[in-house]
Amino acid sequence: MLPSPQQMSVQRCSEALAETDWSRALASIDLSAARLLKHTADTTVVRAQLNLGGSRSCILKTQRLGGLWNAIRCRLGATRLDRQWKGAQLLQRAKAMPTAECLALLRWKAGDGRTFLTLIMEDLPGRTLLEHMASPPEPRTRRLLAQAVGAQTRGLLKAHLFNRDHKPSNLIVTSMDPAGDQPPTLALVDTVGIGDAGARAIEPIRPLTSLMLEPMGCNVTPRLADRMRTLRAFEPDRDTRRKLWKRIDAAIKAHGDPTPKDNPLGDRPLG
């Protein structure tokens, strides 16, 4: 679902695009070329080309604002899409991890009177880490990816930021050096769960466990050696690493069925 230019207001906008006529930009979308990436009961994600002083590939994430509580959240700037915008800003300011730039947040009404929010973001190149895991790369690439996700997760926590949804389908592998001279770069595309811990210590078990649970639920459990490479890149100290390994294993066993509600791998069977 795409915004209606006729009944639209701009809630947030990047400084670089402050003068953009978003109604005209939306009207420029070629619907036949737009691609539906995700559709649930209240959220739709579409990839489309927008004319923003030149054709630009963007991701449009739309959320329906039904009910009084969602209306209050919208007034307070506390909807999921507002939180995603704020989370992206936290990452960018801390330079903790690459993320998709948020371009605009639009509020609009459909013909039947229902209200929606649409977040427009840049479209990052590459596949998700989960997709790489589902079509296993050659051993060297697999090893580099395992090390990169551990190192970048450590960098996130060192910046005193936490992520409540740190799973492989939210990580895009945006660069991969075939020679292995440079580590792969992973960007976080869903920043709703990003928060600032301030001076508080961050518990590492949740993000490290999330990196495992989703692949297990999608039947693409990483090899034991790759799990250890990720943990070694995250925690250099051997004794601490052993304790983390035991706690992660306990958290996985206590979690129950990890099969995700919405299949992040499209038509690939889960479980």
Protein backbone atom coordinates (compact mmCIF):
# COMPACT_ATOMS: atom_id res chain seq x y z
CA MET A 1 0.00 0.00 0.00
CA LEU A 2 1.34 3.41 -1.01
CA PRO A 3 0.45 6.83 0.46
CA SER A 4 -2.27 8.97 -1.10
CA PRO A 5 -0.71 12.31 -2.14
CA GLN A 6 -4.10 14.04 -1.88
CA GLN A 7 -4.54 13.54 1.89
CA MET A 8 -1.01 13.67 3.27
CA SER A 9 1.05 15.56 5.84
CA VAL A 10 4.79 15.37 6.53
CA GLN A 11 5.53 14.34 10.14
CA ARG A 12 9.32 14.14 9.83
CA CYS A 13 11.81 14.83 7.05
CA SER A 14 15.58 14.69 6.64
CA GLU A 15 17.25 18.09 6.43
CA ALA A 16 18.64 17.35 2.98
CA LEU A 17 15.11 16.81 1.62
CA ALA A 18 13.32 19.58 3.53
CA GLU A 19 12.16 21.28 0.31
CA THR A 20 10.90 18.11 -1.33
CA ASP A 21 7.39 18.04 -2.73
CA TRP A 22 6.45 14.61 -1.39
CA SER A 23 3.09 14.60 -3.16
CA ARG A 24 4.87 14.94 -6.49
CA ALA A 25 7.50 12.36 -5.49
CA LEU A 26 4.80 9.83 -4.63
CA ALA A 27 2.90 10.55 -7.81
CA SER A 28 6.08 9.69 -9.75
CA ILE A 29 6.05 6.06 -8.56
CA ASP A 30 5.62 3.49 -11.32
CA LEU A 31 3.23 1.05 -9.60
CA SER A 32 3.96 -1.69 -12.14
CA ALA A 33 7.64 -1.63 -11.13
CA ALA A 34 7.08 -1.39 -7.35
CA ARG A 35 7.80 -4.59 -5.45
CA LEU A 36 5.93 -5.82 -2.38
CA LEU A 37 8.48 -7.05 0.18
CA LYS A 38 6.25 -7.76 3.17
CA HIS A 39 2.56 -7.67 4.05
CA THR A 40 0.97 -8.39 7.44
CA ALA A 41 -2.30 -7.39 9.12
CA ASP A 42 -1.10 -3.86 9.87
CA THR A 43 2.21 -3.36 8.02
CA THR A 44 3.20 -3.25 4.36
CA VAL A 45 6.74 -2.86 3.00
CA VAL A 46 7.29 -1.86 -0.64
CA ARG A 47 10.37 -1.10 -2.74
CA ALA A 48 9.80 1.65 -5.33
CA GLN A 49 11.61 4.28 -7.36
CA LEU A 50 10.92 7.88 -6.27
CA ASN A 51 11.87 11.05 -8.09
CA LEU A 52 13.86 12.96 -5.45
CA GLY A 53 15.83 15.26 -7.69
CA GLY A 54 16.64 12.13 -9.66
CA SER A 55 15.35 8.57 -9.56
CA ARG A 56 16.12 6.91 -6.21
CA SER A 57 15.29 3.42 -4.99
CA CYS A 58 13.47 3.64 -1.65
CA ILE A 59 11.76 1.39 0.87
CA LEU A 60 8.28 2.50 1.96
CA LYS A 61 7.12 0.97 5.23
CA THR A 62 3.43 1.62 5.95
CA GLN A 63 1.61 1.09 9.25
CA ARG A 64 -2.14 1.37 9.84
CA LEU A 65 -3.06 3.64 12.76
CA GLY A 66 -6.25 2.01 13.97
CA GLY A 67 -7.58 2.56 17.49
CA LEU A 68 -7.35 5.25 20.15
CA TRP A 69 -4.01 4.07 21.57
CA ASN A 70 -2.31 4.30 18.17
CA ALA A 71 -3.79 7.77 17.67
CA ILE A 72 -2.28 8.84 21.01
CA ARG A 73 1.08 7.32 20.04
CA CYS A 74 0.98 9.25 16.79
CA ARG A 75 0.39 12.54 18.61
CA LEU A 76 3.28 11.78 20.98
CA GLY A 77 5.62 10.72 18.17
CA ALA A 78 5.79 7.25 19.72
CA THR A 79 4.54 4.94 16.95
CA ARG A 80 6.73 2.08 15.74
CA LEU A 81 7.79 4.16 12.74
CA ASP A 82 8.65 7.15 14.95
CA ARG A 83 10.77 4.81 17.08
CA GLN A 84 12.47 3.45 13.98
CA TRP A 85 13.35 7.01 12.94
CA LYS A 86 14.75 7.81 16.39
CA GLY A 87 16.66 4.53 16.53
CA ALA A 88 18.32 5.26 13.19
CA GLN A 89 19.37 8.67 14.48
CA LEU A 90 20.90 7.09 17.60
CA LEU A 91 22.95 4.71 15.46
CA GLN A 92 24.10 7.47 13.14
CA ARG A 93 25.13 9.81 15.95
CA ALA A 94 27.03 7.07 17.78
CA LYS A 95 28.50 5.71 14.53
CA ALA A 96 27.91 2.33 16.12
CA MET A 97 26.59 0.51 13.06
CA PRO A 98 25.50 1.46 9.54
CA THR A 99 21.77 1.80 8.95
CA ALA A 100 19.35 2.88 6.25
CA GLU A 101 18.84 6.66 6.17
CA CYS A 102 15.28 7.72 7.02
CA LEU A 103 14.08 10.26 4.44
CA ALA A 104 10.53 11.14 5.48
CA LEU A 105 7.64 10.07 7.68
CA LEU A 106 4.24 10.77 6.13
CA ARG A 107 0.75 10.62 7.63
CA TRP A 108 -2.11 10.08 5.21
CA LYS A 109 -5.68 8.88 4.84
CA ALA A 110 -7.02 6.22 2.51
CA GLY A 111 -10.24 6.65 0.56
CA ASP A 112 -12.18 4.79 3.27
CA GLY A 113 -10.99 7.25 5.95
CA ARG A 114 -8.44 4.97 7.61
CA THR A 115 -5.23 6.68 8.74
CA PHE A 116 -1.74 5.41 7.92
CA LEU A 117 1.90 6.32 8.50
CA THR A 118 4.53 5.64 5.86
CA LEU A 119 8.25 5.76 6.57
CA ILE A 120 10.40 6.33 3.47
CA MET A 121 13.97 5.04 3.76
CA GLU A 122 16.90 4.58 1.46
CA ASP A 123 17.13 1.17 -0.17
CA LEU A 124 20.37 -0.51 0.88
CA PRO A 125 22.14 -2.89 -1.51
CA GLY A 126 22.66 -6.51 -0.63
CA ARG A 127 20.86 -9.46 0.94
CA THR A 128 19.99 -10.06 4.57
CA LEU A 129 22.34 -12.08 6.72
CA LEU A 130 19.54 -14.65 7.07
CA GLU A 131 19.34 -15.01 3.28
CA HIS A 132 23.09 -15.60 3.16
CA MET A 133 22.67 -18.29 5.81
CA ALA A 134 19.80 -19.90 3.88
CA SER A 135 21.97 -20.31 0.76
CA PRO A 136 25.25 -21.22 2.47
CA PRO A 137 28.22 -19.28 1.06
CA GLU A 138 31.62 -20.84 0.59
CA PRO A 139 33.48 -21.53 3.87
CA ARG A 140 35.70 -18.43 3.82
CA THR A 141 32.77 -16.07 3.27
CA ARG A 142 30.77 -17.84 5.96
CA ARG A 143 33.67 -17.42 8.38
CA LEU A 144 34.04 -13.71 7.58
CA LEU A 145 30.31 -13.10 8.07
CA ALA A 146 30.32 -14.89 11.42
CA GLN A 147 33.23 -12.75 12.62
CA ALA A 148 31.71 -9.53 11.28
CA VAL A 149 28.35 -9.96 13.02
CA GLY A 150 30.12 -10.66 16.32
CA ALA A 151 32.40 -7.63 16.00
CA GLN A 152 29.60 -5.27 14.98
CA THR A 153 27.35 -6.50 17.78
CA ARG A 154 30.18 -5.80 20.22
CA GLY A 155 30.55 -2.30 18.74
CA LEU A 156 26.85 -1.65 19.26
CA LEU A 157 27.06 -2.49 22.96
CA LYS A 158 30.31 -0.55 23.40
CA ALA A 159 28.42 2.52 22.15
CA HIS A 160 25.95 1.91 25.05
CA LEU A 161 23.17 1.07 22.61
CA PHE A 162 20.92 -1.97 22.82
CA ASN A 163 18.74 -3.62 20.20
CA ARG A 164 15.62 -5.52 21.24
CA ASP A 165 15.34 -7.22 17.84
CA HIS A 166 18.89 -8.11 16.84
CA LYS A 167 18.19 -10.87 14.34
CA PRO A 168 19.75 -11.85 10.98
CA SER A 169 16.74 -10.80 8.88
CA ASN A 170 17.25 -7.22 10.15
CA LEU A 171 20.90 -7.17 9.06
CA ILE A 172 21.80 -6.42 5.43
CA VAL A 173 25.23 -7.46 4.15
CA THR A 174 26.01 -4.28 2.22
CA SER A 175 29.61 -5.04 1.27
CA MET A 176 31.68 -8.17 0.86
CA ASP A 177 35.34 -8.11 -0.18
CA PRO A 178 35.95 -11.25 -2.30
CA ALA A 179 39.64 -11.20 -1.37
CA GLY A 180 38.84 -10.97 2.34
CA ASP A 181 41.15 -7.99 2.86
CA GLN A 182 38.28 -5.98 4.37
CA PRO A 183 35.65 -7.40 6.73
CA PRO A 184 32.05 -7.53 5.48
CA THR A 185 29.83 -4.60 6.41
CA LEU A 186 26.40 -5.25 7.89
CA ALA A 187 23.74 -2.55 8.20
CA LEU A 188 20.76 -2.66 10.53
CA VAL A 189 17.55 -1.97 8.60
CA ASP A 190 14.92 -2.18 11.36
CA THR A 191 15.89 0.19 14.19
CA VAL A 192 12.61 0.12 16.15
CA GLY A 193 14.32 -1.76 18.99
CA ILE A 194 17.36 0.52 19.28
CA GLY A 195 17.71 2.36 22.58
CA ASP A 196 20.31 4.25 24.57
CA ALA A 197 21.35 2.49 27.78
CA GLY A 198 23.17 5.56 29.07
CA ALA A 199 25.50 4.63 31.92
CA ARG A 200 23.76 1.31 32.56
CA ALA A 201 25.50 -1.94 31.71
CA ILE A 202 23.92 -3.81 28.79
CA GLU A 203 23.10 -7.48 29.11
CA PRO A 204 24.61 -9.17 26.00
CA ILE A 205 22.61 -12.40 26.17
CA ARG A 206 19.50 -11.08 24.42
CA PRO A 207 21.14 -9.86 21.17
CA LEU A 208 23.46 -12.87 21.00
CA THR A 209 20.55 -15.26 21.54
CA SER A 210 18.41 -13.46 18.93
CA LEU A 211 21.14 -14.01 16.36
CA MET A 212 20.65 -17.76 16.90
CA LEU A 213 16.91 -18.13 17.46
CA GLU A 214 15.68 -16.79 14.12
CA PRO A 215 17.94 -19.03 11.98
CA MET A 216 16.93 -22.03 14.10
CA GLY A 217 13.25 -21.22 13.53
CA CYS A 218 13.91 -20.89 9.79
CA ASN A 219 15.74 -24.22 9.61
CA VAL A 220 19.09 -22.61 8.77
CA THR A 221 20.88 -23.09 12.10
CA PRO A 222 24.52 -21.94 11.77
CA ARG A 223 27.29 -24.46 12.25
CA LEU A 224 28.85 -24.82 15.67
CA ALA A 225 32.18 -23.44 14.39
CA ASP A 226 30.50 -20.31 13.03
CA ARG A 227 28.63 -19.76 16.28
CA MET A 228 31.96 -19.86 18.10
CA ARG A 229 33.56 -17.47 15.60
CA THR A 230 30.77 -14.96 16.22
CA LEU A 231 31.14 -15.27 19.97
CA ARG A 232 34.94 -15.02 19.77
CA ALA A 233 34.68 -11.80 17.76
CA PHE A 234 32.20 -10.47 20.31
CA GLU A 235 34.15 -11.45 23.42
CA PRO A 236 37.96 -11.91 23.23
CA ASP A 237 38.30 -13.17 26.82
CA ARG A 238 38.14 -16.97 26.85
CA ASP A 239 36.66 -17.44 30.33
CA THR A 240 33.97 -14.82 29.77
CA ARG A 241 33.22 -16.39 26.40
CA ARG A 242 32.67 -19.80 27.97
CA LYS A 243 30.20 -18.33 30.46
CA LEU A 244 28.36 -16.52 27.67
CA TRP A 245 28.15 -19.71 25.63
CA LYS A 246 26.47 -21.56 28.52
CA ARG A 247 24.03 -18.71 29.16
CA ILE A 248 23.09 -18.40 25.49
CA ASP A 249 22.52 -22.15 25.30
CA ALA A 250 20.28 -21.98 28.38
CA ALA A 251 18.33 -19.03 26.92
CA ILE A 252 17.74 -20.91 23.66
CA LYS A 253 16.48 -24.00 25.52
CA ALA A 254 14.16 -21.86 27.67
CA HIS A 255 12.72 -19.99 24.69
CA GLY A 256 10.56 -22.71 23.21
CA ASP A 257 9.61 -23.00 19.53
CA PRO A 258 11.61 -20.32 17.65
CA THR A 259 9.58 -20.52 14.42
CA PRO A 260 8.77 -16.89 13.44
CA LYS A 261 5.17 -15.82 12.91
CA ASP A 262 5.97 -14.21 9.56
CA ASN A 263 8.36 -16.08 7.28
CA PRO A 264 11.39 -13.82 6.61
CA LEU A 265 12.56 -16.16 3.84
CA GLY A 266 9.50 -15.93 1.62
CA ASP A 267 8.30 -19.33 0.44
CA ARG A 268 11.08 -21.33 2.07
CA PRO A 269 9.61 -23.88 4.55
CA LEU A 270 10.14 -23.08 8.23
CA GLY A 271 11.00 -25.39 11.08
